[in-house]
């Protein structure tokens, strides 16, 4: 899913959205944002870009193999005498 580093970057980005006049976010609020965000991301069942790219590569290879097998099957069907 998301590494702790990625999650911390998201929390930091969200923290920067709070107006400067509000002062520093207390650590307990920071931790709560992190926990809430982590929980929400896990519920979404997201995958990382790396995992997505790996699965896309596997799918492309599988598609190529399927197309080769379909061509071979068509050749075999067309070469059979009736």
Protein backbone atom coordinates (compact mmCIF):
# COMPACT_ATOMS: atom_id res chain seq x y z
CA UNK A 1 0.00 0.00 0.00
CA UNK A 2 1.59 3.30 1.04
CA UNK A 3 4.92 3.46 2.80
CA UNK A 4 5.15 5.36 6.08
CA UNK A 5 7.28 7.95 4.25
CA UNK A 6 4.58 8.52 1.61
CA UNK A 7 1.91 8.77 4.28
CA UNK A 8 3.99 11.29 6.24
CA UNK A 9 4.44 13.39 3.09
CA UNK A 10 0.67 13.48 2.59
CA UNK A 11 0.14 14.49 6.22
CA UNK A 12 2.77 17.23 5.87
CA UNK A 13 1.06 18.52 2.72
CA UNK A 14 -2.29 18.60 4.51
CA UNK A 15 -0.69 20.37 7.47
CA UNK A 16 0.59 23.10 5.16
CA UNK A 17 -2.97 23.86 4.10
CA UNK A 18 -3.78 25.12 7.60
CA UNK A 19 -3.46 28.93 7.77
CA UNK A 20 -0.21 30.30 9.15
CA UNK A 21 -2.03 32.20 11.91
CA UNK A 22 -3.26 28.94 13.38
CA UNK A 23 0.25 28.14 14.61
CA UNK A 24 1.80 24.72 14.75
CA UNK A 25 -0.42 21.69 14.75
CA UNK A 26 -0.13 19.87 18.05
CA UNK A 27 1.39 16.42 17.64
CA UNK A 28 -1.81 14.68 18.77
CA UNK A 29 -3.76 16.36 15.94
CA UNK A 30 -0.96 15.51 13.53
CA UNK A 31 -1.14 11.87 14.67
CA UNK A 32 -4.93 11.88 14.33
CA UNK A 33 -4.71 13.20 10.76
CA UNK A 34 -2.16 10.48 9.98
CA UNK A 35 -4.32 7.72 11.51
CA UNK A 36 -7.50 8.92 9.79
CA UNK A 37 -5.77 9.21 6.44
CA UNK A 38 -4.15 5.80 6.82
CA UNK A 39 -7.48 4.20 7.72
CA UNK A 40 -9.25 5.82 4.77
CA UNK A 41 -6.55 4.78 2.32
CA UNK A 42 -6.64 1.18 3.54
CA UNK A 43 -10.43 1.08 3.12
CA UNK A 44 -10.03 2.23 -0.50
CA UNK A 45 -7.84 -0.81 -1.20
CA UNK A 46 -5.44 1.26 -3.30
CA UNK A 47 -2.26 0.00 -4.90
CA UNK A 48 0.96 1.85 -5.51
CA UNK A 49 1.99 3.00 -8.99
CA UNK A 50 4.76 0.38 -8.92
CA UNK A 51 2.28 -2.44 -8.21
CA UNK A 52 -0.04 -1.12 -10.91
CA UNK A 53 2.77 -0.97 -13.48
CA UNK A 54 3.86 -4.51 -12.64
CA UNK A 55 0.32 -5.84 -13.10
CA UNK A 56 -0.06 -3.91 -16.35
CA UNK A 57 3.15 -5.54 -17.63
CA UNK A 58 1.87 -8.98 -16.69
CA UNK A 59 -1.42 -8.26 -18.45
CA UNK A 60 0.37 -7.09 -21.61
CA UNK A 61 2.50 -10.26 -21.72
CA UNK A 62 -0.60 -12.40 -21.16
CA UNK A 63 -2.44 -10.57 -23.94
CA UNK A 64 0.49 -11.13 -26.34
CA UNK A 65 0.54 -14.85 -25.53
CA UNK A 66 -3.22 -15.09 -26.02
CA UNK A 67 -3.00 -13.37 -29.41
CA UNK A 68 -0.23 -15.76 -30.51
CA UNK A 69 -2.29 -18.76 -29.40
CA UNK A 70 -5.38 -17.45 -31.23
CA UNK A 71 -3.36 -17.03 -34.44
CA UNK A 72 -1.92 -20.50 -34.09
CA UNK A 73 -5.38 -21.96 -33.46
CA UNK A 74 -6.76 -20.18 -36.52
CA UNK A 75 -3.90 -21.55 -38.62
CA UNK A 76 -4.54 -25.08 -37.36
CA UNK A 77 -8.30 -24.77 -37.99
CA UNK A 78 -7.75 -23.42 -41.49
CA UNK A 79 -5.21 -26.09 -42.40
CA UNK A 80 -7.50 -29.01 -41.46
CA UNK A 81 -9.04 -30.79 -44.47
CA UNK A 82 -12.83 -31.03 -44.34
